[in-house]
Amino acid sequence: MEAIYRRWFGPDYSDRAAAVYVRLTADERAWLADHHVVRVGIDPGWAPVEFIDETGVARGMSVAYLERLGKMLGIHFEISRQGSWADALKSLEERKLEMLPTLASTPSREAHVRFTEPYLLFPAAIFSATDATYIGGPEGLKGKVVSVVSGEAVEEWLRKNWPDLQLLPVADTRAALRTITDGRAYAFIGNLVTTSYYIGQSGLAQIRVAGETPYVYRISMGVRGDWPMLAAILQKGIDAIPAGAREAIYRDGISIQYQHRFDYTTLWMVVGGAVLILLLVFAERTLRLNRANARLRRLAKDLSQVEERERRRLAGELHDSPMQKLALAQLQFSAASGDVDAGPAARLGNGLDLMREALDELHTLQFELSPPLLYSDGLASALEWLAAYATERFGVAFSFQNAAPTVAIPQELAIALFQVARELVYNVAKHAAARTAAMSLDADGKDVVLNVADDGKGFAESAGGRRRRGGSGLFNIRERVTLFGGEVSIAAIDAGSRVSVRMPLPPQVEPVKGSADQTSESPRTRSEEVAR
């Protein structure tokens, strides 16, 4: 109905219609006549609730509310760009600003701020590293370092109710997430919606929801304490906004997503270049054919990298959307189960168990697509995880040995070696009928060597007496290794077979000083999320 009205009565119909229901007193109208400009501060990094985009424009749910209220009440909201949320709070206290549109009420703030009724609600959740155990609630964080956004209400709540926590205040949500990845904090407590957005924006698939809290961000509009008239006027304006318009603002805000997009322009350029190369091959036989082969090798190498990037993108999107929604549903079901009778509560408990199993399966699928360890901790850690994963999934006892802990392997080469190792492990699991298998990583100064051996049935002999060189899987592996100037060899051992992959290291790669491969160590401490 609202869409029909906007079509026939104009795009501002809803605002004009809502303004009719704002019944202001004579004193309130006189006050507005004297204060038609209100200085407002927003958090520049609290998307999708409120933020400053890359063009310097204020956006988000709170900004949408301000735009509607401005049209309804005749107020011009002048948005000030503050350095941080803590700066905005200080400016409001010093009356350099008149209001903050996303402020949670706390006892300390009520002394100098007038609040409207809450108009947005967001749960506060606990975030930690994916390899950390499920935390549950704040009681599971005693004695641990927990990061929070400086000045947010949750900091005050935690200091009052959980004095055993070691709080680490930081500037914003992005900084809080970094405290988890660099090991300065074990967990972070903050807005579930906002933190999930920045996890997706940063591609931090190694961070997940690890627990729930009793806290809820009840977002109100906060006005300087000596302007109670403005708080009353804003409340009347908020009450006059139709429920459908409120739902549209929330829906539009939640739909703001950070997306990793594939550059199809580059793909079309590659296809066009390939067609041109084919035409030149027919025109200038030998010389052009050699150049074309070299270019095709580079393109195949690039496509291999594109495949891995797409796997990583899919793993990130899997983490950002369905897994976060399931986690939010789990929190809401957990809260609801305490308010119902025993029978429905049992059914809710069964549903929660199924939801936890689904989350575990999604985590496994995410790691199978693109393990974050490959990018954060290096090839050795990723191969160690692959061995453990294959053992658990296929029942073949895989082991891994890193015989070259002091050699730094470039990421491009590490990605290719991991793809080869994954294909060889799957071949052993599916076709070798093996009970045990072993992977090893070694280097001799110029080359890096990956070995995969098993005690299975080996490779069948052909009719001519020659050993068959494997199926399409080994063919693909050879082609991939050849692109990097490497080679693949297959040898029979006492029980089973061994596949060796030798690939040259770039000349600039030097051994890392020290006795341990720093990239193979998985950080065990992560930081918590920030409260507003």
Protein backbone atom coordinates (compact mmCIF):
# COMPACT_ATOMS: atom_id res chain seq x y z
CA MET A 1 0.00 0.00 0.00
CA GLU A 2 2.80 2.38 0.84
CA ALA A 3 4.39 1.76 -2.57
CA ILE A 4 1.08 2.52 -4.30
CA TYR A 5 0.66 5.74 -2.28
CA ARG A 6 4.20 6.87 -3.13
CA ARG A 7 3.54 6.24 -6.83
CA TRP A 8 0.37 8.35 -6.97
CA PHE A 9 1.04 10.98 -4.28
CA GLY A 10 4.80 11.46 -4.58
CA PRO A 11 7.97 9.92 -3.04
CA ASP A 12 7.65 12.05 0.13
CA TYR A 13 4.07 10.93 0.79
CA SER A 14 4.99 8.81 3.84
CA ASP A 15 6.85 11.70 5.48
CA ARG A 16 4.01 14.16 4.84
CA ALA A 17 1.42 11.69 6.08
CA ALA A 18 3.45 10.89 9.21
CA ALA A 19 3.93 14.60 9.94
CA VAL A 20 0.15 14.94 10.31
CA TYR A 21 0.23 12.60 13.31
CA VAL A 22 3.04 14.50 15.10
CA ARG A 23 1.01 16.55 17.56
CA LEU A 24 3.36 19.18 18.97
CA THR A 25 2.42 21.63 21.71
CA ALA A 26 2.72 25.38 21.24
CA ASP A 27 5.88 25.39 23.38
CA GLU A 28 7.42 22.61 21.29
CA ARG A 29 6.67 24.41 18.02
CA ALA A 30 8.17 27.63 19.44
CA TRP A 31 11.27 25.71 20.55
CA LEU A 32 11.71 24.24 17.05
CA ALA A 33 11.43 27.71 15.53
CA ASP A 34 14.44 28.77 17.62
CA HIS A 35 16.45 25.57 17.11
CA HIS A 36 15.95 24.43 13.53
CA VAL A 37 19.61 23.24 13.22
CA VAL A 38 20.80 20.36 15.44
CA ARG A 39 24.43 19.21 15.47
CA VAL A 40 24.64 15.40 15.42
CA GLY A 41 27.58 13.03 15.92
CA ILE A 42 27.72 9.48 14.54
CA ASP A 43 30.10 6.57 14.84
CA PRO A 44 32.10 6.54 11.56
CA GLY A 45 32.70 2.77 11.78
CA TRP A 46 29.56 1.03 13.07
CA ALA A 47 28.05 -0.30 9.84
CA PRO A 48 25.34 -1.06 8.99
CA VAL A 49 23.79 0.91 11.88
CA GLU A 50 25.73 4.10 11.04
CA PHE A 51 29.00 4.80 9.23
CA ILE A 52 30.83 7.09 6.82
CA ASP A 53 31.23 5.46 3.39
CA GLU A 54 34.22 5.68 1.06
CA THR A 55 32.88 8.91 -0.49
CA GLY A 56 32.56 10.64 2.89
CA VAL A 57 28.75 10.38 3.03
CA ALA A 58 26.97 9.37 6.25
CA ARG A 59 24.87 6.23 5.82
CA GLY A 60 23.07 3.59 7.88
CA MET A 61 19.85 2.94 9.78
CA SER A 62 20.21 5.90 12.16
CA VAL A 63 20.86 8.29 9.25
CA ALA A 64 17.67 7.03 7.55
CA TYR A 65 15.72 7.81 10.74
CA LEU A 66 17.26 11.30 10.90
CA GLU A 67 16.28 12.00 7.28
CA ARG A 68 12.65 11.05 7.97
CA LEU A 69 12.51 13.01 11.23
CA GLY A 70 14.04 16.05 9.55
CA LYS A 71 11.31 16.13 6.90
CA MET A 72 8.54 15.51 9.43
CA LEU A 73 9.67 18.05 12.05
CA GLY A 74 11.42 20.66 9.90
CA ILE A 75 14.78 20.10 11.60
CA HIS A 76 18.11 20.24 9.78
CA PHE A 77 20.42 17.62 11.32
CA GLU A 78 24.01 18.75 10.75
CA ILE A 79 26.19 15.61 10.95
CA SER A 80 29.64 16.19 12.41
CA ARG A 81 32.54 13.86 11.44
CA GLN A 82 34.07 12.72 14.74
CA GLY A 83 37.37 10.88 14.96
CA SER A 84 35.91 7.98 16.93
CA TRP A 85 32.92 6.96 19.01
CA ALA A 86 34.73 8.03 22.20
CA ASP A 87 35.27 11.50 20.66
CA ALA A 88 31.56 11.78 19.86
CA LEU A 89 30.62 10.89 23.47
CA LYS A 90 33.02 13.49 24.82
CA SER A 91 31.67 16.17 22.45
CA LEU A 92 28.11 15.46 23.59
CA GLU A 93 29.14 15.72 27.25
CA GLU A 94 30.90 19.03 26.54
CA ARG A 95 27.80 20.21 24.55
CA LYS A 96 29.78 20.68 21.35
CA LEU A 97 27.12 18.34 19.89
CA GLU A 98 23.39 18.35 20.60
CA MET A 99 22.62 14.66 20.09
CA LEU A 100 23.84 11.17 19.23
CA PRO A 101 21.28 9.02 17.34
CA THR A 102 22.59 5.59 18.48
CA LEU A 103 23.17 5.70 22.21
CA ALA A 104 22.40 3.01 24.79
CA SER A 105 21.18 4.21 28.18
CA THR A 106 23.47 3.54 31.18
CA PRO A 107 23.38 4.95 34.74
CA SER A 108 26.48 7.10 34.15
CA ARG A 109 25.05 8.61 30.95
CA GLU A 110 21.62 9.38 32.40
CA ALA A 111 23.20 12.09 34.57
CA HIS A 112 23.89 14.34 31.57
CA VAL A 113 21.88 12.90 28.64
CA ARG A 114 18.14 12.79 27.89
CA PHE A 115 17.07 9.60 26.07
CA THR A 116 14.18 8.68 23.79
CA GLU A 117 12.63 5.23 24.02
CA PRO A 118 14.74 2.50 22.25
CA TYR A 119 13.96 2.24 18.54
CA LEU A 120 16.59 -0.39 17.49
CA LEU A 121 17.55 -3.64 19.26
CA PHE A 122 20.68 -5.73 18.64
CA PRO A 123 22.03 -8.69 20.69
CA ALA A 124 25.58 -8.53 22.08
CA ALA A 125 27.56 -11.69 21.30
CA ILE A 126 31.00 -13.14 22.06
CA PHE A 127 33.39 -13.57 19.12
CA SER A 128 36.61 -15.58 19.15
CA ALA A 129 38.87 -17.63 16.88
CA THR A 130 37.38 -20.60 15.02
CA ASP A 131 39.82 -22.99 16.71
CA ALA A 132 38.68 -21.90 20.19
CA THR A 133 36.15 -24.00 22.07
CA TYR A 134 32.57 -22.82 22.52
CA ILE A 135 32.68 -20.20 25.31
CA GLY A 136 29.00 -20.00 26.25
CA GLY A 137 28.69 -16.81 28.30
CA PRO A 138 30.93 -14.18 29.98
CA GLU A 139 31.61 -16.61 32.82
CA GLY A 140 33.78 -18.62 30.40
CA LEU A 141 36.11 -15.62 29.93
CA LYS A 142 37.29 -15.17 33.52
CA GLY A 143 40.97 -14.29 33.65
CA LYS A 144 41.17 -13.79 29.88
CA VAL A 145 41.78 -10.63 27.87
CA VAL A 146 38.57 -9.36 26.24
CA SER A 147 38.60 -6.45 23.79
CA VAL A 148 35.80 -3.86 23.82
CA VAL A 149 35.18 -0.64 21.91
CA SER A 150 36.13 2.28 24.15
CA GLY A 151 33.06 4.20 25.29
CA GLU A 152 30.44 1.63 24.30
CA ALA A 153 27.83 0.69 26.89
CA VAL A 154 28.99 -2.91 27.09
CA GLU A 155 32.31 -1.75 28.52
CA GLU A 156 30.46 -0.21 31.46
CA TRP A 157 28.25 -3.31 31.86
CA LEU A 158 31.21 -5.69 31.88
CA ARG A 159 33.26 -3.61 34.32
CA LYS A 160 30.31 -3.59 36.73
CA ASN A 161 29.07 -7.20 36.39
CA TRP A 162 32.25 -9.11 35.39
CA PRO A 163 35.24 -7.53 37.21
CA ASP A 164 37.32 -10.70 36.65
CA LEU A 165 37.59 -9.96 32.91
CA GLN A 166 40.73 -8.22 31.65
CA LEU A 167 39.16 -5.62 29.35
CA LEU A 168 41.18 -4.19 26.46
CA PRO A 169 39.50 -0.98 25.14
CA VAL A 170 40.16 -0.20 21.46
CA ALA A 171 39.03 2.50 19.01
CA ASP A 172 36.47 0.59 16.92
CA THR A 173 35.18 -2.81 15.78
CA ARG A 174 37.90 -3.29 13.16
CA ALA A 175 40.60 -2.74 15.79
CA ALA A 176 38.84 -5.18 18.12
CA LEU A 177 38.87 -7.91 15.46
CA ARG A 178 42.58 -7.30 14.89
CA THR A 179 43.25 -7.97 18.58
CA ILE A 180 41.89 -11.49 18.02
CA THR A 181 43.93 -12.20 14.89
CA ASP A 182 47.19 -10.92 16.37
CA GLY A 183 46.67 -12.73 19.71
CA ARG A 184 46.44 -9.67 21.99
CA ALA A 185 42.94 -10.67 23.14
CA TYR A 186 41.14 -13.99 23.48
CA ALA A 187 37.67 -12.71 22.58
CA PHE A 188 35.61 -9.64 21.72
CA ILE A 189 32.10 -8.72 22.89
CA GLY A 190 30.03 -6.52 20.61
CA ASN A 191 26.98 -5.97 18.41
CA LEU A 192 26.26 -9.21 16.52
CA VAL A 193 25.07 -7.45 13.35
CA THR A 194 27.87 -4.86 13.20
CA THR A 195 30.66 -7.30 14.00
CA SER A 196 29.39 -9.84 11.45
CA TYR A 197 29.49 -7.08 8.81
CA TYR A 198 33.13 -6.23 9.51
CA ILE A 199 34.14 -9.90 9.64
CA GLY A 200 32.77 -10.23 6.10
CA GLN A 201 34.38 -6.97 4.98
CA SER A 202 37.80 -8.04 6.23
CA GLY A 203 37.50 -11.66 5.03
CA LEU A 204 38.31 -12.93 8.55
CA ALA A 205 36.95 -16.45 8.19
CA GLN A 206 39.02 -17.49 11.22
CA ILE A 207 36.71 -15.54 13.59
CA ARG A 208 33.23 -16.76 14.56
CA VAL A 209 30.46 -16.37 17.13
CA ALA A 210 31.67 -18.28 20.19
CA GLY A 211 29.06 -17.44 22.83
CA GLU A 212 26.16 -15.28 23.95
CA THR A 213 25.63 -12.60 26.58
CA PRO A 214 22.63 -11.33 28.56
CA TYR A 215 23.15 -7.88 27.07
CA VAL A 216 21.11 -6.26 24.30
CA TYR A 217 21.93 -2.98 22.59
CA ARG A 218 18.74 -0.98 23.17
CA ILE A 219 19.50 1.93 20.87
CA SER A 220 17.91 5.30 21.68
CA MET A 221 18.52 8.87 20.55
CA GLY A 222 20.53 10.72 23.20
CA VAL A 223 20.15 14.52 23.60
CA ARG A 224 22.24 16.93 25.69
CA GLY A 225 20.84 17.15 29.21
CA ASP A 226 19.71 20.78 29.09
CA TRP A 227 17.52 20.17 25.98
CA PRO A 228 14.69 17.95 27.31
CA MET A 229 12.30 19.58 24.84
CA LEU A 230 14.22 18.11 21.87
CA ALA A 231 14.08 14.60 23.38
CA ALA A 232 10.28 14.89 23.74
CA ILE A 233 9.89 16.18 20.16
CA LEU A 234 12.07 13.37 18.74
CA GLN A 235 10.04 10.78 20.64
CA LYS A 236 6.82 12.06 19.09
CA GLY A 237 8.44 11.95 15.65
CA ILE A 238 9.71 8.38 16.11
CA ASP A 239 6.27 7.27 17.31
CA ALA A 240 4.69 8.73 14.15
CA ILE A 241 6.89 6.75 11.73
CA PRO A 242 4.74 3.85 10.39
CA ALA A 243 5.74 0.31 11.34
CA GLY A 244 6.19 -0.58 7.66
CA ALA A 245 8.65 2.30 7.21
CA ARG A 246 10.64 1.16 10.27
CA GLU A 247 10.83 -2.38 8.93
CA ALA A 248 12.01 -1.03 5.54
CA ILE A 249 14.81 0.98 7.22
CA TYR A 250 15.96 -2.10 9.17
CA ARG A 251 15.73 -4.36 6.11
CA ASP A 252 17.67 -1.93 3.91
CA GLY A 253 20.35 -1.56 6.58
CA ILE A 254 20.81 -5.29 7.11
CA SER A 255 21.03 -5.82 3.32
CA ILE A 256 24.24 -3.75 3.16
CA GLN A 257 26.86 -6.41 2.45
CA TYR A 258 30.55 -6.38 1.68
CA GLN A 259 31.03 -8.56 -1.41
CA HIS A 260 34.16 -9.95 -2.99
CA ARG A 261 33.45 -9.54 -6.71
CA PHE A 262 35.12 -11.33 -9.58
CA ASP A 263 36.52 -8.98 -12.25
CA TYR A 264 34.89 -10.27 -15.44
CA THR A 265 36.62 -7.53 -17.46
CA THR A 266 39.93 -9.31 -16.88
CA LEU A 267 38.35 -12.61 -17.94
CA TRP A 268 37.13 -11.14 -21.23
CA MET A 269 40.55 -9.59 -21.82
CA VAL A 270 42.14 -13.02 -21.29
CA VAL A 271 39.70 -14.68 -23.72
CA GLY A 272 40.30 -11.96 -26.31
CA GLY A 273 44.06 -12.35 -25.94
CA ALA A 274 43.77 -16.13 -26.37
CA VAL A 275 41.78 -15.71 -29.60
CA LEU A 276 44.37 -13.27 -30.90
CA ILE A 277 47.14 -15.71 -30.06
CA LEU A 278 45.38 -18.50 -32.00
CA LEU A 279 45.13 -16.27 -35.09
CA LEU A 280 48.83 -15.40 -34.87
CA VAL A 281 49.73 -19.09 -34.53
CA PHE A 282 48.23 -19.82 -37.93
CA ALA A 283 50.02 -16.78 -39.44
CA GLU A 284 53.50 -17.14 -38.02
CA ARG A 285 53.96 -20.82 -37.22
CA THR A 286 56.96 -21.63 -35.09
CA LEU A 287 57.81 -18.30 -33.45
CA ARG A 288 54.24 -17.39 -32.59
CA LEU A 289 53.49 -20.94 -31.45
CA ASN A 290 56.29 -20.79 -28.86
CA ARG A 291 55.10 -17.42 -27.59
CA ALA A 292 51.51 -18.66 -27.47
CA ASN A 293 52.50 -21.72 -25.44
CA ALA A 294 54.36 -19.53 -22.96
CA ARG A 295 51.37 -17.22 -22.64
CA LEU A 296 48.95 -20.16 -22.20
CA ARG A 297 51.12 -21.48 -19.39
CA ARG A 298 50.90 -18.13 -17.64
CA LEU A 299 47.14 -18.00 -18.18
CA ALA A 300 46.67 -21.51 -16.78
CA LYS A 301 48.75 -20.47 -13.78
CA ASP A 302 46.54 -17.42 -13.31
CA LEU A 303 43.38 -19.51 -13.65
CA SER A 304 44.67 -21.82 -10.93
CA GLN A 305 45.01 -18.79 -8.68
CA VAL A 306 41.52 -17.60 -9.69
CA GLU A 307 40.12 -21.01 -8.70
CA GLU A 308 41.68 -20.72 -5.25
CA ARG A 309 40.43 -17.15 -4.84
CA GLU A 310 36.92 -18.30 -5.73
CA ARG A 311 37.19 -21.12 -3.16
CA ARG A 312 38.30 -18.58 -0.58
CA ARG A 313 35.48 -16.19 -1.57
CA LEU A 314 32.88 -18.97 -1.28
CA ALA A 315 34.26 -19.97 2.13
CA GLY A 316 34.04 -16.33 3.24
CA GLU A 317 30.47 -15.92 1.99
CA LEU A 318 29.51 -19.22 3.66
CA HIS A 319 30.85 -17.84 6.93
CA ASP A 320 29.35 -14.34 6.51
CA SER A 321 25.75 -15.14 5.64
CA PRO A 322 24.23 -18.56 6.51
CA MET A 323 26.55 -19.31 9.44
CA GLN A 324 25.99 -15.91 11.05
CA LYS A 325 22.23 -16.19 10.54
CA LEU A 326 22.23 -19.66 12.13
CA ALA A 327 24.28 -18.30 15.03
CA LEU A 328 21.80 -15.44 15.52
CA ALA A 329 18.88 -17.90 15.36
CA GLN A 330 20.64 -20.10 17.91
CA LEU A 331 20.98 -17.16 20.31
CA GLN A 332 17.32 -16.24 19.87
CA PHE A 333 16.11 -19.86 20.35
CA SER A 334 18.33 -20.15 23.45
CA ALA A 335 16.72 -17.03 24.90
CA ALA A 336 13.22 -18.29 24.00
CA SER A 337 13.73 -21.75 25.54
CA GLY A 338 13.90 -20.25 29.03
CA ASP A 339 10.41 -18.72 28.73
CA VAL A 340 8.39 -21.82 27.75
CA ASP A 341 7.07 -24.95 29.50
CA ALA A 342 9.02 -28.20 29.75
CA GLY A 343 7.49 -29.87 26.67
CA PRO A 344 8.14 -27.07 24.17
CA ALA A 345 11.49 -26.39 25.85
CA ALA A 346 12.59 -29.97 25.09
CA ARG A 347 11.62 -29.53 21.44
CA LEU A 348 13.53 -26.26 21.34
CA GLY A 349 16.51 -28.07 22.83
CA ASN A 350 16.36 -30.69 20.07
CA GLY A 351 16.19 -27.90 17.51
CA LEU A 352 19.21 -26.20 19.09
CA ASP A 353 21.18 -29.48 18.92
CA LEU A 354 20.38 -29.78 15.21
CA MET A 355 21.38 -26.14 14.70
CA ARG A 356 24.73 -26.74 16.43
CA GLU A 357 25.34 -29.80 14.21
CA ALA A 358 24.54 -27.71 11.13
CA LEU A 359 27.01 -25.03 12.26
CA ASP A 360 29.72 -27.68 12.78
CA GLU A 361 29.09 -29.10 9.29
CA LEU A 362 29.22 -25.61 7.76
CA HIS A 363 32.53 -24.94 9.55
CA THR A 364 33.93 -28.19 8.11
CA LEU A 365 32.73 -27.28 4.60
CA GLN A 366 34.24 -23.80 4.95
CA PHE A 367 37.65 -25.23 5.87
CA GLU A 368 37.45 -27.86 3.09
CA LEU A 369 36.81 -25.15 0.49
CA SER A 370 39.71 -22.94 1.58
CA PRO A 371 41.47 -23.46 4.93
CA PRO A 372 42.31 -20.09 6.54
CA LEU A 373 45.50 -21.67 7.95
CA LEU A 374 47.01 -21.64 4.44
CA TYR A 375 46.91 -17.85 4.38
CA SER A 376 47.46 -17.05 8.05
CA ASP A 377 49.99 -19.71 9.17
CA GLY A 378 51.54 -21.06 5.96
CA LEU A 379 51.75 -24.28 3.94
CA ALA A 380 53.08 -26.54 6.72
CA SER A 381 50.15 -25.77 9.04
CA ALA A 382 47.66 -26.25 6.20
CA LEU A 383 49.15 -29.67 5.30
CA GLU A 384 49.07 -30.69 8.96
CA TRP A 385 45.38 -29.77 9.07
CA LEU A 386 44.77 -31.67 5.79
CA ALA A 387 46.31 -34.83 7.25
CA ALA A 388 44.17 -34.62 10.38
CA TYR A 389 41.02 -33.86 8.36
CA ALA A 390 41.60 -36.75 5.93
CA THR A 391 42.21 -39.13 8.84
CA GLU A 392 38.94 -38.19 10.46
CA ARG A 393 36.88 -38.17 7.26
CA PHE A 394 38.22 -41.17 5.31
CA GLY A 395 39.53 -43.48 8.05
CA VAL A 396 43.04 -43.63 6.55
CA ALA A 397 45.70 -42.78 9.13
CA PHE A 398 47.48 -39.83 7.52
CA SER A 399 50.58 -38.30 9.11
CA PHE A 400 52.60 -35.22 8.21
CA GLN A 401 56.28 -34.35 8.69
CA ASN A 402 57.77 -30.91 7.99
CA ALA A 403 61.44 -31.51 7.14
CA ALA A 404 62.01 -27.92 5.95
CA PRO A 405 60.83 -25.67 8.79
CA THR A 406 63.34 -22.89 7.99
CA VAL A 407 62.32 -22.33 4.35
CA ALA A 408 59.81 -19.57 3.56
CA ILE A 409 57.58 -20.60 0.63
CA PRO A 410 55.87 -17.83 -1.42
CA GLN A 411 52.08 -17.83 -1.17
CA GLU A 412 51.51 -18.51 -4.89
CA LEU A 413 53.71 -21.62 -4.73
CA ALA A 414 52.20 -22.65 -1.38
CA ILE A 415 48.68 -22.50 -2.85
CA ALA A 416 49.70 -24.69 -5.81
CA LEU A 417 51.41 -27.25 -3.54
CA PHE A 418 48.38 -27.40 -1.25
CA GLN A 419 46.06 -28.00 -4.23
CA VAL A 420 48.32 -30.84 -5.41
CA ALA A 421 48.49 -32.34 -1.91
CA ARG A 422 44.71 -32.21 -1.56
CA GLU A 423 44.24 -34.04 -4.89
CA LEU A 424 46.80 -36.72 -3.95
CA VAL A 425 45.23 -37.25 -0.51
CA TYR A 426 41.78 -37.67 -2.05
CA ASN A 427 43.18 -40.16 -4.60
CA VAL A 428 44.73 -42.24 -1.80
CA ALA A 429 41.51 -42.19 0.20
CA LYS A 430 39.26 -43.13 -2.73
CA HIS A 431 41.36 -45.54 -4.83
CA ALA A 432 44.37 -46.94 -2.94
CA ALA A 433 42.54 -49.08 -0.33
CA ALA A 434 45.27 -47.99 2.12
CA ARG A 435 45.30 -48.17 5.90
CA THR A 436 48.06 -45.63 6.52
CA ALA A 437 49.59 -42.81 4.52
CA ALA A 438 52.25 -40.17 5.09
CA MET A 439 52.91 -36.68 3.75
CA SER A 440 56.24 -34.87 4.05
CA LEU A 441 57.54 -31.47 2.99
CA ASP A 442 61.26 -31.02 2.32
CA ALA A 443 63.65 -28.64 0.53
CA ASP A 444 67.20 -29.00 -0.79
CA GLY A 445 68.10 -25.36 -1.33
CA LYS A 446 66.73 -24.89 -4.86
CA ASP A 447 63.61 -27.06 -4.86
CA VAL A 448 60.77 -27.84 -2.50
CA VAL A 449 59.63 -31.48 -2.45
CA LEU A 450 56.22 -32.84 -1.45
CA ASN A 451 55.93 -36.61 -0.89
CA VAL A 452 52.71 -38.58 -0.43
CA ALA A 453 53.16 -42.30 0.31
CA ASP A 454 50.64 -45.01 1.19
CA ASP A 455 50.52 -48.75 1.93
CA GLY A 456 47.71 -49.45 -0.55
CA LYS A 457 47.50 -51.50 -3.71
CA GLY A 458 49.66 -49.23 -5.84
CA PHE A 459 49.19 -48.56 -9.57
CA ALA A 460 47.97 -51.31 -11.89
CA GLU A 461 50.26 -52.77 -14.59
CA SER A 462 49.24 -52.26 -18.20
CA ALA A 463 49.11 -55.09 -20.75
CA GLY A 464 52.44 -54.03 -22.23
CA GLY A 465 54.24 -54.41 -18.93
CA ARG A 466 54.65 -50.68 -18.32
CA ARG A 467 53.31 -49.08 -15.17
CA ARG A 468 50.17 -47.10 -15.92
CA ARG A 469 50.79 -43.45 -15.23
CA GLY A 470 47.49 -42.74 -13.48
CA GLY A 471 44.14 -41.31 -14.50
CA SER A 472 42.88 -37.82 -15.13
CA GLY A 473 43.63 -36.80 -11.54
CA LEU A 474 47.39 -37.39 -11.95
CA PHE A 475 47.25 -35.81 -15.40
CA ASN A 476 45.81 -32.64 -13.89
CA ILE A 477 48.45 -32.69 -11.15
CA ARG A 478 51.26 -33.02 -13.73
CA GLU A 479 49.84 -30.13 -15.76
CA ARG A 480 49.57 -27.93 -12.66
CA VAL A 481 53.12 -28.76 -11.52
CA THR A 482 54.53 -28.21 -15.03
CA LEU A 483 53.21 -24.62 -14.97
CA PHE A 484 55.61 -23.91 -12.13
CA GLY A 485 58.55 -25.67 -13.82
CA GLY A 486 58.28 -28.73 -11.60
CA GLU A 487 57.98 -32.47 -12.11
CA VAL A 488 56.02 -35.43 -10.73
CA SER A 489 57.42 -38.92 -10.18
CA ILE A 490 55.70 -42.15 -9.08
CA ALA A 491 57.58 -45.00 -7.44
CA ALA A 492 56.59 -48.37 -6.04
CA ILE A 493 57.65 -49.05 -2.45
CA ASP A 494 57.57 -52.21 -0.31
CA ALA A 495 53.85 -51.78 0.35
CA GLY A 496 52.02 -49.31 -1.83
CA SER A 497 53.42 -46.36 -3.75
CA ARG A 498 54.93 -42.92 -3.33
CA VAL A 499 54.22 -39.79 -5.41
CA SER A 500 56.92 -37.09 -5.29
CA VAL A 501 56.32 -33.54 -6.47
CA ARG A 502 59.41 -31.36 -6.97
CA MET A 503 58.93 -27.63 -7.66
CA PRO A 504 61.66 -24.96 -7.91
CA LEU A 505 61.86 -22.18 -5.35
CA PRO A 506 62.16 -18.61 -6.69
CA PRO A 507 65.74 -17.28 -6.49
CA GLN A 508 64.83 -14.61 -3.94
CA VAL A 509 63.55 -17.14 -1.36
CA GLU A 510 66.05 -17.45 1.50
CA PRO A 511 65.91 -19.64 4.61
CA VAL A 512 64.31 -17.95 7.58
CA LYS A 513 66.67 -17.36 10.51
CA GLY A 514 65.83 -19.44 13.56
CA SER A 515 65.02 -23.05 14.25
CA ALA A 516 61.24 -22.94 13.95
CA ASP A 517 58.92 -22.09 11.08
CA GLN A 518 56.93 -19.20 12.45
CA THR A 519 54.26 -19.61 9.81
CA SER A 520 53.49 -23.13 11.01
CA GLU A 521 52.44 -22.05 14.48
CA SER A 522 48.75 -21.44 14.92
CA PRO A 523 47.99 -18.58 17.31
CA ARG A 524 46.08 -19.98 20.26
CA THR A 525 44.79 -16.75 21.76
CA ARG A 526 42.19 -14.59 20.11
CA SER A 527 40.36 -11.40 21.17
CA GLU A 528 36.73 -10.76 22.07
CA GLU A 529 34.15 -8.43 20.59
CA VAL A 530 33.32 -4.85 21.53
CA ALA A 531 30.14 -3.58 23.24
CA ARG A 532 28.60 -0.27 22.35
